[in-house]
PDB file of all heavy atoms in Angstrom:
ATOM      1  N   ALA A   1     174.120  19.184-137.347  1.00  0.00           N
ATOM      2  CA  ALA A   1     172.907  18.567-136.791  1.00  0.00           C
ATOM      3  C   ALA A   1     171.688  18.911-137.633  1.00  0.00           C
ATOM      4  O   ALA A   1     170.848  18.054-137.924  1.00  0.00           O
ATOM      5  CB  ALA A   1     172.714  19.013-135.350  1.00  0.00           C
ATOM      6  N   LYS A   2     171.573  20.161-138.055  1.00  0.00           N
ATOM      7  CA  LYS A   2     170.433  20.597-138.876  1.00  0.00           C
ATOM      8  C   LYS A   2     170.391  19.822-140.190  1.00  0.00           C
ATOM      9  O   LYS A   2     169.328  19.324-140.601  1.00  0.00           O
ATOM     10  CB  LYS A   2     170.535  22.099-139.147  1.00  0.00           C
ATOM     11  CG  LYS A   2     169.385  22.649-139.976  1.00  0.00           C
ATOM     12  CD  LYS A   2     169.562  24.134-140.261  1.00  0.00           C
ATOM     13  CE  LYS A   2     170.719  24.366-141.236  1.00  0.00           C
ATOM     14  NZ  LYS A   2     170.788  25.791-141.676  1.00  0.00           N
ATOM     15  N   ASN A   3     171.537  19.697-140.837  1.00  0.00           N
ATOM     16  CA  ASN A   3     171.594  18.981-142.110  1.00  0.00           C
ATOM     17  C   ASN A   3     171.250  17.501-141.940  1.00  0.00           C
ATOM     18  O   ASN A   3     170.593  16.892-142.784  1.00  0.00           O
ATOM     19  CB  ASN A   3     172.977  19.128-142.735  1.00  0.00           C
ATOM     20  CG  ASN A   3     173.271  20.552-143.170  1.00  0.00           C
ATOM     21  OD1 ASN A   3     172.360  21.350-143.360  1.00  0.00           O
ATOM     22  ND2 ASN A   3     174.544  20.884-143.311  1.00  0.00           N
ATOM     23  N   THR A   4     171.683  16.923-140.817  1.00  0.00           N
ATOM     24  CA  THR A   4     171.413  15.504-140.559  1.00  0.00           C
ATOM     25  C   THR A   4     169.944  15.262-140.247  1.00  0.00           C
ATOM     26  O   THR A   4     169.310  14.340-140.773  1.00  0.00           O
ATOM     27  CB  THR A   4     172.282  15.005-139.385  1.00  0.00           C
ATOM     28  OG1 THR A   4     173.662  15.154-139.713  1.00  0.00           O
ATOM     29  CG2 THR A   4     171.988  13.549-139.069  1.00  0.00           C
ATOM     30  N   LEU A   5     169.391  16.098-139.373  1.00  0.00           N
ATOM     31  CA  LEU A   5     168.023  15.877-138.880  1.00  0.00           C
ATOM     32  C   LEU A   5     166.954  16.266-139.900  1.00  0.00           C
ATOM     33  O   LEU A   5     165.873  15.666-139.927  1.00  0.00           O
ATOM     34  CB  LEU A   5     167.819  16.664-137.584  1.00  0.00           C
ATOM     35  CG  LEU A   5     168.650  16.181-136.390  1.00  0.00           C
ATOM     36  CD1 LEU A   5     168.676  17.243-135.299  1.00  0.00           C
ATOM     37  CD2 LEU A   5     168.113  14.875-135.851  1.00  0.00           C
ATOM     38  N   PHE A   6     167.229  17.257-140.726  1.00  0.00           N
ATOM     39  CA  PHE A   6     166.212  17.763-141.651  1.00  0.00           C
ATOM     40  C   PHE A   6     166.420  17.301-143.085  1.00  0.00           C
ATOM     41  O   PHE A   6     165.704  17.738-143.988  1.00  0.00           O
ATOM     42  CB  PHE A   6     166.196  19.297-141.625  1.00  0.00           C
ATOM     43  CG  PHE A   6     165.850  19.901-140.290  1.00  0.00           C
ATOM     44  CD1 PHE A   6     166.111  21.233-140.031  1.00  0.00           C
ATOM     45  CD2 PHE A   6     165.259  19.144-139.289  1.00  0.00           C
ATOM     46  CE1 PHE A   6     165.794  21.802-138.809  1.00  0.00           C
ATOM     47  CE2 PHE A   6     164.941  19.696-138.059  1.00  0.00           C
ATOM     48  CZ  PHE A   6     165.213  21.036-137.817  1.00  0.00           C
ATOM     49  N   SER A   7     167.359  16.390-143.308  1.00  0.00           N
ATOM     50  CA  SER A   7     167.728  16.033-144.683  1.00  0.00           C
ATOM     51  C   SER A   7     166.698  15.158-145.381  1.00  0.00           C
ATOM     52  O   SER A   7     166.587  15.178-146.609  1.00  0.00           O
ATOM     53  CB  SER A   7     169.085  15.327-144.689  1.00  0.00           C
ATOM     54  OG  SER A   7     169.009  14.114-143.954  1.00  0.00           O
ATOM     55  N   ASN A   8     165.919  14.384-144.628  1.00  0.00           N
ATOM     56  CA  ASN A   8     165.015  13.407-145.262  1.00  0.00           C
ATOM     57  C   ASN A   8     163.548  13.817-145.264  1.00  0.00           C
ATOM     58  O   ASN A   8     162.668  13.022-145.576  1.00  0.00           O
ATOM     59  CB  ASN A   8     165.154  12.052-144.560  1.00  0.00           C
ATOM     60  CG  ASN A   8     166.535  11.455-144.738  1.00  0.00           C
ATOM     61  OD1 ASN A   8     167.121  11.556-145.813  1.00  0.00           O
ATOM     62  ND2 ASN A   8     167.066  10.848-143.685  1.00  0.00           N
ATOM     63  N   GLY A   9     163.258  15.056-144.921  1.00  0.00           N
ATOM     64  CA  GLY A   9     161.872  15.512-144.899  1.00  0.00           C
ATOM     65  C   GLY A   9     161.770  16.941-145.396  1.00  0.00           C
ATOM     66  O   GLY A   9     162.716  17.492-145.958  1.00  0.00           O
ATOM     67  N   ASP A  10     160.608  17.552-145.143  1.00  0.00           N
ATOM     68  CA  ASP A  10     160.411  18.918-145.618  1.00  0.00           C
ATOM     69  C   ASP A  10     160.597  19.954-144.516  1.00  0.00           C
ATOM     70  O   ASP A  10     160.330  21.149-144.720  1.00  0.00           O
ATOM     71  CB  ASP A  10     159.024  19.062-146.244  1.00  0.00           C
ATOM     72  CG  ASP A  10     157.903  18.686-145.277  1.00  0.00           C
ATOM     73  OD1 ASP A  10     158.206  18.237-144.151  1.00  0.00           O
ATOM     74  OD2 ASP A  10     156.723  18.838-145.655  1.00  0.00           O
ATOM     75  N   VAL A  11     161.052  19.520-143.329  1.00  0.00           N
ATOM     76  CA  VAL A  11     161.287  20.460-142.239  1.00  0.00           C
ATOM     77  C   VAL A  11     162.523  21.297-142.554  1.00  0.00           C
ATOM     78  O   VAL A  11     163.552  20.780-142.995  1.00  0.00           O
ATOM     79  CB  VAL A  11     161.467  19.730-140.899  1.00  0.00           C
ATOM     80  CG1 VAL A  11     161.829  20.715-139.791  1.00  0.00           C
ATOM     81  CG2 VAL A  11     160.205  18.969-140.525  1.00  0.00           C
ATOM     82  N   THR A  12     162.404  22.583-142.327  1.00  0.00           N
ATOM     83  CA  THR A  12     163.524  23.508-142.483  1.00  0.00           C
ATOM     84  C   THR A  12     163.695  24.281-141.183  1.00  0.00           C
ATOM     85  O   THR A  12     162.857  24.182-140.271  1.00  0.00           O
ATOM     86  CB  THR A  12     163.278  24.503-143.624  1.00  0.00           C
ATOM     87  OG1 THR A  12     162.130  25.306-143.287  1.00  0.00           O
ATOM     88  CG2 THR A  12     163.043  23.779-144.949  1.00  0.00           C
ATOM     89  N   GLU A  13     164.741  25.048-141.126  1.00  0.00           N
ATOM     90  CA  GLU A  13     164.960  25.913-139.968  1.00  0.00           C
ATOM     91  C   GLU A  13     163.756  26.823-139.750  1.00  0.00           C
ATOM     92  O   GLU A  13     163.270  26.998-138.623  1.00  0.00           O
ATOM     93  CB  GLU A  13     166.222  26.733-140.237  1.00  0.00           C
ATOM     94  CG  GLU A  13     166.792  27.461-139.058  1.00  0.00           C
ATOM     95  CD  GLU A  13     168.088  28.143-139.444  1.00  0.00           C
ATOM     96  OE1 GLU A  13     168.035  29.256-140.015  1.00  0.00           O
ATOM     97  OE2 GLU A  13     169.163  27.553-139.190  1.00  0.00           O
ATOM     98  N   GLU A  14     163.243  27.387-140.840  1.00  0.00           N
ATOM     99  CA  GLU A  14     162.116  28.318-140.753  1.00  0.00           C
ATOM    100  C   GLU A  14     160.832  27.616-140.307  1.00  0.00           C
ATOM    101  O   GLU A  14     160.076  28.144-139.473  1.00  0.00           O
ATOM    102  CB  GLU A  14     161.894  28.992-142.116  1.00  0.00           C
ATOM    103  CG  GLU A  14     162.994  29.939-142.545  1.00  0.00           C
ATOM    104  CD  GLU A  14     164.252  29.221-143.019  1.00  0.00           C
ATOM    105  OE1 GLU A  14     164.153  28.003-143.361  1.00  0.00           O
ATOM    106  OE2 GLU A  14     165.325  29.831-143.037  1.00  0.00           O
ATOM    107  N   SER A  15     160.557  26.435-140.849  1.00  0.00           N
ATOM    108  CA  SER A  15     159.313  25.744-140.476  1.00  0.00           C
ATOM    109  C   SER A  15     159.380  25.218-139.044  1.00  0.00           C
ATOM    110  O   SER A  15     158.355  25.141-138.356  1.00  0.00           O
ATOM    111  CB  SER A  15     159.021  24.600-141.452  1.00  0.00           C
ATOM    112  OG  SER A  15     159.991  23.575-141.380  1.00  0.00           O
ATOM    113  N   ALA A  16     160.589  24.867-138.567  1.00  0.00           N
ATOM    114  CA  ALA A  16     160.732  24.429-137.176  1.00  0.00           C
ATOM    115  C   ALA A  16     160.436  25.577-136.220  1.00  0.00           C
ATOM    116  O   ALA A  16     159.755  25.397-135.197  1.00  0.00           O
ATOM    117  CB  ALA A  16     162.138  23.884-136.947  1.00  0.00           C
ATOM    118  N   ILE A  17     160.929  26.782-136.555  1.00  0.00           N
ATOM    119  CA  ILE A  17     160.642  27.953-135.724  1.00  0.00           C
ATOM    120  C   ILE A  17     159.145  28.287-135.761  1.00  0.00           C
ATOM    121  O   ILE A  17     158.548  28.669-134.747  1.00  0.00           O
ATOM    122  CB  ILE A  17     161.480  29.165-136.189  1.00  0.00           C
ATOM    123  CG1 ILE A  17     162.962  28.925-135.858  1.00  0.00           C
ATOM    124  CG2 ILE A  17     161.002  30.447-135.533  1.00  0.00           C
ATOM    125  CD1 ILE A  17     163.274  28.834-134.383  1.00  0.00           C
ATOM    126  N   LYS A  18     158.529  28.107-136.924  1.00  0.00           N
ATOM    127  CA  LYS A  18     157.086  28.327-137.043  1.00  0.00           C
ATOM    128  C   LYS A  18     156.327  27.381-136.113  1.00  0.00           C
ATOM    129  O   LYS A  18     155.367  27.786-135.432  1.00  0.00           O
ATOM    130  CB  LYS A  18     156.654  28.119-138.486  1.00  0.00           C
ATOM    131  CG  LYS A  18     155.175  28.375-138.729  1.00  0.00           C
ATOM    132  CD  LYS A  18     154.814  28.164-140.203  1.00  0.00           C
ATOM    133  CE  LYS A  18     153.323  28.372-140.440  1.00  0.00           C
ATOM    134  NZ  LYS A  18     152.962  28.139-141.863  1.00  0.00           N
ATOM    135  N   SER A  19     156.730  26.116-136.058  1.00  0.00           N
ATOM    136  CA  SER A  19     156.082  25.149-135.160  1.00  0.00           C
ATOM    137  C   SER A  19     156.331  25.507-133.706  1.00  0.00           C
ATOM    138  O   SER A  19     155.440  25.349-132.857  1.00  0.00           O
ATOM    139  CB  SER A  19     156.618  23.743-135.454  1.00  0.00           C
ATOM    140  OG  SER A  19     156.213  23.300-136.724  1.00  0.00           O
ATOM    141  N   LEU A  20     157.525  26.009-133.406  1.00  0.00           N
ATOM    142  CA  LEU A  20     157.834  26.419-132.034  1.00  0.00           C
ATOM    143  C   LEU A  20     156.923  27.570-131.604  1.00  0.00           C
ATOM    144  O   LEU A  20     156.443  27.600-130.470  1.00  0.00           O
ATOM    145  CB  LEU A  20     159.310  26.816-131.931  1.00  0.00           C
ATOM    146  CG  LEU A  20     159.865  27.022-130.519  1.00  0.00           C
ATOM    147  CD1 LEU A  20     159.840  25.709-129.739  1.00  0.00           C
ATOM    148  CD2 LEU A  20     161.288  27.564-130.575  1.00  0.00           C
ATOM    149  N   ASN A  21     156.662  28.495-132.504  1.00  0.00           N
ATOM    150  CA  ASN A  21     155.750  29.593-132.199  1.00  0.00           C
ATOM    151  C   ASN A  21     154.315  29.098-132.031  1.00  0.00           C
ATOM    152  O   ASN A  21     153.555  29.626-131.213  1.00  0.00           O
ATOM    153  CB  ASN A  21     155.829  30.659-133.291  1.00  0.00           C
ATOM    154  CG  ASN A  21     156.994  31.613-133.084  1.00  0.00           C
ATOM    155  OD1 ASN A  21     157.008  32.368-132.117  1.00  0.00           O
ATOM    156  ND2 ASN A  21     157.966  31.577-133.977  1.00  0.00           N
ATOM    157  N   LEU A  22     153.933  28.083-132.792  1.00  0.00           N
ATOM    158  CA  LEU A  22     152.616  27.476-132.614  1.00  0.00           C
ATOM    159  C   LEU A  22     152.501  26.860-131.221  1.00  0.00           C
ATOM    160  O   LEU A  22     151.485  27.022-130.532  1.00  0.00           O
ATOM    161  CB  LEU A  22     152.392  26.408-133.685  1.00  0.00           C
ATOM    162  CG  LEU A  22     151.130  25.539-133.543  1.00  0.00           C
ATOM    163  CD1 LEU A  22     149.878  26.404-133.596  1.00  0.00           C
ATOM    164  CD2 LEU A  22     151.093  24.472-134.636  1.00  0.00           C
ATOM    165  N   LEU A  23     153.554  26.170-130.799  1.00  0.00           N
ATOM    166  CA  LEU A  23     153.572  25.575-129.462  1.00  0.00           C
ATOM    167  C   LEU A  23     153.443  26.654-128.391  1.00  0.00           C
ATOM    168  O   LEU A  23     152.775  26.469-127.367  1.00  0.00           O
ATOM    169  CB  LEU A  23     154.878  24.791-129.269  1.00  0.00           C
ATOM    170  CG  LEU A  23     155.068  24.081-127.932  1.00  0.00           C
ATOM    171  CD1 LEU A  23     154.086  22.924-127.791  1.00  0.00           C
ATOM    172  CD2 LEU A  23     156.497  23.571-127.801  1.00  0.00           C
ATOM    173  N   ASN A  24     154.047  27.809-128.655  1.00  0.00           N
ATOM    174  CA  ASN A  24     154.093  28.897-127.682  1.00  0.00           C
ATOM    175  C   ASN A  24     152.868  29.812-127.763  1.00  0.00           C
ATOM    176  O   ASN A  24     152.794  30.822-127.066  1.00  0.00           O
ATOM    177  CB  ASN A  24     155.368  29.722-127.918  1.00  0.00           C
ATOM    178  CG  ASN A  24     155.777  30.513-126.702  1.00  0.00           C
ATOM    179  OD1 ASN A  24     155.708  30.024-125.577  1.00  0.00           O
ATOM    180  ND2 ASN A  24     156.215  31.749-126.918  1.00  0.00           N
ATOM    181  N   SER A  25     151.884  29.463-128.596  1.00  0.00           N
ATOM    182  CA  SER A  25     150.734  30.337-128.800  1.00  0.00           C
ATOM    183  C   SER A  25     149.678  30.216-127.702  1.00  0.00           C
ATOM    184  O   SER A  25     148.689  30.940-127.712  1.00  0.00           O
ATOM    185  CB  SER A  25     150.088  30.055-130.159  1.00  0.00           C
ATOM    186  OG  SER A  25     149.564  28.734-130.192  1.00  0.00           O
ATOM    187  N   ARG A  26     149.892  29.283-126.796  1.00  0.00           N
ATOM    188  CA  ARG A  26     149.039  29.202-125.605  1.00  0.00           C
ATOM    189  C   ARG A  26     149.854  29.548-124.372  1.00  0.00           C
ATOM    190  O   ARG A  26     151.086  29.524-124.403  1.00  0.00           O
ATOM    191  CB  ARG A  26     148.449  27.800-125.470  1.00  0.00           C
ATOM    192  CG  ARG A  26     147.397  27.503-126.523  1.00  0.00           C
ATOM    193  CD  ARG A  26     146.505  26.368-126.089  1.00  0.00           C
ATOM    194  NE  ARG A  26     145.408  26.146-127.016  1.00  0.00           N
ATOM    195  CZ  ARG A  26     144.379  25.363-126.769  1.00  0.00           C
ATOM    196  NH1 ARG A  26     144.305  24.719-125.608  1.00  0.00           N
ATOM    197  NH2 ARG A  26     143.426  25.198-127.649  1.00  0.00           N
ATOM    198  N   GLU A  27     149.158  29.837-123.278  1.00  0.00           N
ATOM    199  CA  GLU A  27     149.853  30.246-122.065  1.00  0.00           C
ATOM    200  C   GLU A  27     150.496  29.035-121.391  1.00  0.00           C
ATOM    201  O   GLU A  27     149.856  28.311-120.624  1.00  0.00           O
ATOM    202  CB  GLU A  27     148.888  30.948-121.108  1.00  0.00           C
ATOM    203  CG  GLU A  27     148.464  32.326-121.592  1.00  0.00           C
ATOM    204  CD  GLU A  27     147.593  33.042-120.578  1.00  0.00           C
ATOM    205  OE1 GLU A  27     147.308  32.460-119.511  1.00  0.00           O
ATOM    206  OE2 GLU A  27     147.186  34.183-120.862  1.00  0.00           O
ATOM    207  N   ILE A  28     151.736  28.832-121.700  1.00  0.00           N
ATOM    208  CA  ILE A  28     152.523  27.768-121.078  1.00  0.00           C
ATOM    209  C   ILE A  28     153.727  28.403-120.399  1.00  0.00           C
ATOM    210  O   ILE A  28     154.135  29.523-120.733  1.00  0.00           O
ATOM    211  CB  ILE A  28     152.982  26.719-122.111  1.00  0.00           C
ATOM    212  CG1 ILE A  28     153.839  27.367-123.207  1.00  0.00           C
ATOM    213  CG2 ILE A  28     151.794  25.994-122.709  1.00  0.00           C
ATOM    214  CD1 ILE A  28     154.458  26.374-124.178  1.00  0.00           C
ATOM    215  N   ASP A  29     154.294  27.703-119.446  1.00  0.00           N
ATOM    216  CA  ASP A  29     155.510  28.212-118.802  1.00  0.00           C
ATOM    217  C   ASP A  29     156.704  28.090-119.737  1.00  0.00           C
ATOM    218  O   ASP A  29     157.523  28.993-119.840  1.00  0.00           O
ATOM    219  CB  ASP A  29     155.769  27.453-117.496  1.00  0.00           C
ATOM    220  CG  ASP A  29     154.732  27.773-116.440  1.00  0.00           C
ATOM    221  OD1 ASP A  29     154.544  28.972-116.151  1.00  0.00           O
ATOM    222  OD2 ASP A  29     154.091  26.842-115.931  1.00  0.00           O
ATOM    223  N   PHE A  30     156.787  26.963-120.404  1.00  0.00           N
ATOM    224  CA  PHE A  30     157.815  26.765-121.423  1.00  0.00           C
ATOM    225  C   PHE A  30     157.501  25.482-122.181  1.00  0.00           C
ATOM    226  O   PHE A  30     156.655  24.680-121.772  1.00  0.00           O
ATOM    227  CB  PHE A  30     159.229  26.689-120.811  1.00  0.00           C
ATOM    228  CG  PHE A  30     159.435  25.538-119.864  1.00  0.00           C
ATOM    229  CD1 PHE A  30     159.829  24.284-120.330  1.00  0.00           C
ATOM    230  CD2 PHE A  30     159.248  25.690-118.492  1.00  0.00           C
ATOM    231  CE1 PHE A  30     160.012  23.219-119.464  1.00  0.00           C
ATOM    232  CE2 PHE A  30     159.434  24.632-117.622  1.00  0.00           C
ATOM    233  CZ  PHE A  30     159.820  23.396-118.113  1.00  0.00           C
ATOM    234  N   GLY A  31     158.178  25.310-123.284  1.00  0.00           N
ATOM    235  CA  GLY A  31     158.027  24.085-124.067  1.00  0.00           C
ATOM    236  C   GLY A  31     159.262  23.884-124.910  1.00  0.00           C
ATOM    237  O   GLY A  31     160.187  24.719-124.907  1.00  0.00           O
ATOM    238  N   ASP A  32     159.305  22.786-125.648  1.00  0.00           N
ATOM    239  CA  ASP A  32     160.467  22.549-126.506  1.00  0.00           C
ATOM    240  C   ASP A  32     160.168  21.519-127.586  1.00  0.00           C
ATOM    241  O   ASP A  32     159.253  20.704-127.462  1.00  0.00           O
ATOM    242  CB  ASP A  32     161.698  22.123-125.692  1.00  0.00           C
ATOM    243  CG  ASP A  32     161.437  21.009-124.702  1.00  0.00           C
ATOM    244  OD1 ASP A  32     160.769  20.019-125.078  1.00  0.00           O
ATOM    245  OD2 ASP A  32     161.886  21.106-123.551  1.00  0.00           O
ATOM    246  N   LEU A  33     160.942  21.603-128.642  1.00  0.00           N
ATOM    247  CA  LEU A  33     160.992  20.585-129.696  1.00  0.00           C
ATOM    248  C   LEU A  33     162.315  19.866-129.544  1.00  0.00           C
ATOM    249  O   LEU A  33     163.358  20.510-129.427  1.00  0.00           O
ATOM    250  CB  LEU A  33     160.919  21.211-131.086  1.00  0.00           C
ATOM    251  CG  LEU A  33     159.880  22.301-131.359  1.00  0.00           C
ATOM    252  CD1 LEU A  33     159.990  22.779-132.807  1.00  0.00           C
ATOM    253  CD2 LEU A  33     158.482  21.799-131.056  1.00  0.00           C
ATOM    254  N   PHE A  34     162.282  18.545-129.540  1.00  0.00           N
ATOM    255  CA  PHE A  34     163.507  17.762-129.382  1.00  0.00           C
ATOM    256  C   PHE A  34     163.635  16.807-130.567  1.00  0.00           C
ATOM    257  O   PHE A  34     162.881  15.839-130.693  1.00  0.00           O
ATOM    258  CB  PHE A  34     163.486  16.981-128.066  1.00  0.00           C
ATOM    259  CG  PHE A  34     164.751  16.217-127.788  1.00  0.00           C
ATOM    260  CD1 PHE A  34     165.845  16.846-127.226  1.00  0.00           C
ATOM    261  CD2 PHE A  34     164.852  14.857-128.099  1.00  0.00           C
ATOM    262  CE1 PHE A  34     167.021  16.141-126.967  1.00  0.00           C
ATOM    263  CE2 PHE A  34     166.007  14.155-127.849  1.00  0.00           C
ATOM    264  CZ  PHE A  34     167.101  14.796-127.282  1.00  0.00           C
ATOM    265  N   PHE A  35     164.582  17.093-131.452  1.00  0.00           N
ATOM    266  CA  PHE A  35     164.843  16.267-132.629  1.00  0.00           C
ATOM    267  C   PHE A  35     166.003  15.318-132.338  1.00  0.00           C
ATOM    268  O   PHE A  35     166.982  15.700-131.688  1.00  0.00           O
ATOM    269  CB  PHE A  35     165.223  17.134-133.825  1.00  0.00           C
ATOM    270  CG  PHE A  35     164.164  18.096-134.258  1.00  0.00           C
ATOM    271  CD1 PHE A  35     164.124  19.391-133.749  1.00  0.00           C
ATOM    272  CD2 PHE A  35     163.205  17.723-135.195  1.00  0.00           C
ATOM    273  CE1 PHE A  35     163.153  20.291-134.154  1.00  0.00           C
ATOM    274  CE2 PHE A  35     162.228  18.614-135.612  1.00  0.00           C
ATOM    275  CZ  PHE A  35     162.197  19.897-135.089  1.00  0.00           C
ATOM    276  N   GLU A  36     165.898  14.091-132.841  1.00  0.00           N
ATOM    277  CA  GLU A  36     166.969  13.119-132.584  1.00  0.00           C
ATOM    278  C   GLU A  36     167.089  12.122-133.734  1.00  0.00           C
ATOM    279  O   GLU A  36     166.082  11.707-134.325  1.00  0.00           O
ATOM    280  CB  GLU A  36     166.683  12.355-131.290  1.00  0.00           C
ATOM    281  CG  GLU A  36     167.735  11.312-130.947  1.00  0.00           C
ATOM    282  CD  GLU A  36     167.362  10.509-129.705  1.00  0.00           C
ATOM    283  OE1 GLU A  36     166.177  10.112-129.594  1.00  0.00           O
ATOM    284  OE2 GLU A  36     168.236  10.316-128.856  1.00  0.00           O
ATOM    285  N   ARG A  37     168.320  11.743-134.028  1.00  0.00           N
ATOM    286  CA  ARG A  37     168.611  10.645-134.953  1.00  0.00           C
ATOM    287  C   ARG A  37     169.778   9.865-134.370  1.00  0.00           C
ATOM    288  O   ARG A  37     170.846  10.424-134.102  1.00  0.00           O
ATOM    289  CB  ARG A  37     168.972  11.171-136.346  1.00  0.00           C
ATOM    290  CG  ARG A  37     169.386  10.070-137.337  1.00  0.00           C
ATOM    291  CD  ARG A  37     169.795  10.686-138.668  1.00  0.00           C
ATOM    292  NE  ARG A  37     170.463   9.732-139.542  1.00  0.00           N
ATOM    293  CZ  ARG A  37     169.851   8.932-140.408  1.00  0.00           C
ATOM    294  NH1 ARG A  37     168.529   8.958-140.510  1.00  0.00           N
ATOM    295  NH2 ARG A  37     170.536   8.119-141.182  1.00  0.00           N
ATOM    296  N   THR A  38     169.579   8.563-134.161  1.00  0.00           N
ATOM    297  CA  THR A  38     170.621   7.710-133.594  1.00  0.00           C
ATOM    298  C   THR A  38     170.831   6.496-134.488  1.00  0.00           C
ATOM    299  O   THR A  38     169.875   5.777-134.804  1.00  0.00           O
ATOM    300  CB  THR A  38     170.247   7.246-132.172  1.00  0.00           C
ATOM    301  OG1 THR A  38     170.100   8.393-131.326  1.00  0.00           O
ATOM    302  CG2 THR A  38     171.335   6.344-131.602  1.00  0.00           C
ATOM    303  N   VAL A  39     172.077   6.287-134.879  1.00  0.00           N
ATOM    304  CA  VAL A  39     172.460   5.129-135.688  1.00  0.00           C
ATOM    305  C   VAL A  39     173.294   4.199-134.808  1.00  0.00           C
ATOM    306  O   VAL A  39     174.257   4.636-134.177  1.00  0.00           O
ATOM    307  CB  VAL A  39     173.265   5.550-136.927  1.00  0.00           C
ATOM    308  CG1 VAL A  39     173.605   4.335-137.778  1.00  0.00           C
ATOM    309  CG2 VAL A  39     172.490   6.573-137.746  1.00  0.00           C
ATOM    310  N   SER A  40     172.898   2.924-134.734  1.00  0.00           N
ATOM    311  CA  SER A  40     173.564   1.963-133.856  1.00  0.00           C
ATOM    312  C   SER A  40     173.989   0.711-134.616  1.00  0.00           C
ATOM    313  O   SER A  40     173.306   0.291-135.558  1.00  0.00           O
ATOM    314  CB  SER A  40     172.633   1.550-132.711  1.00  0.00           C
ATOM    315  OG  SER A  40     172.163   2.671-132.000  1.00  0.00           O
TER     316      SER A  40
END
């Protein structure tokens, strides 16, 4: 999934976690990043 979703851009495992920490830098109950690729 990581190779499929991150193959066409500059997002990496490390930069995704960095963005998740940015999301979590305010007082929230919870949050999430949801990546998707669908071929039909």
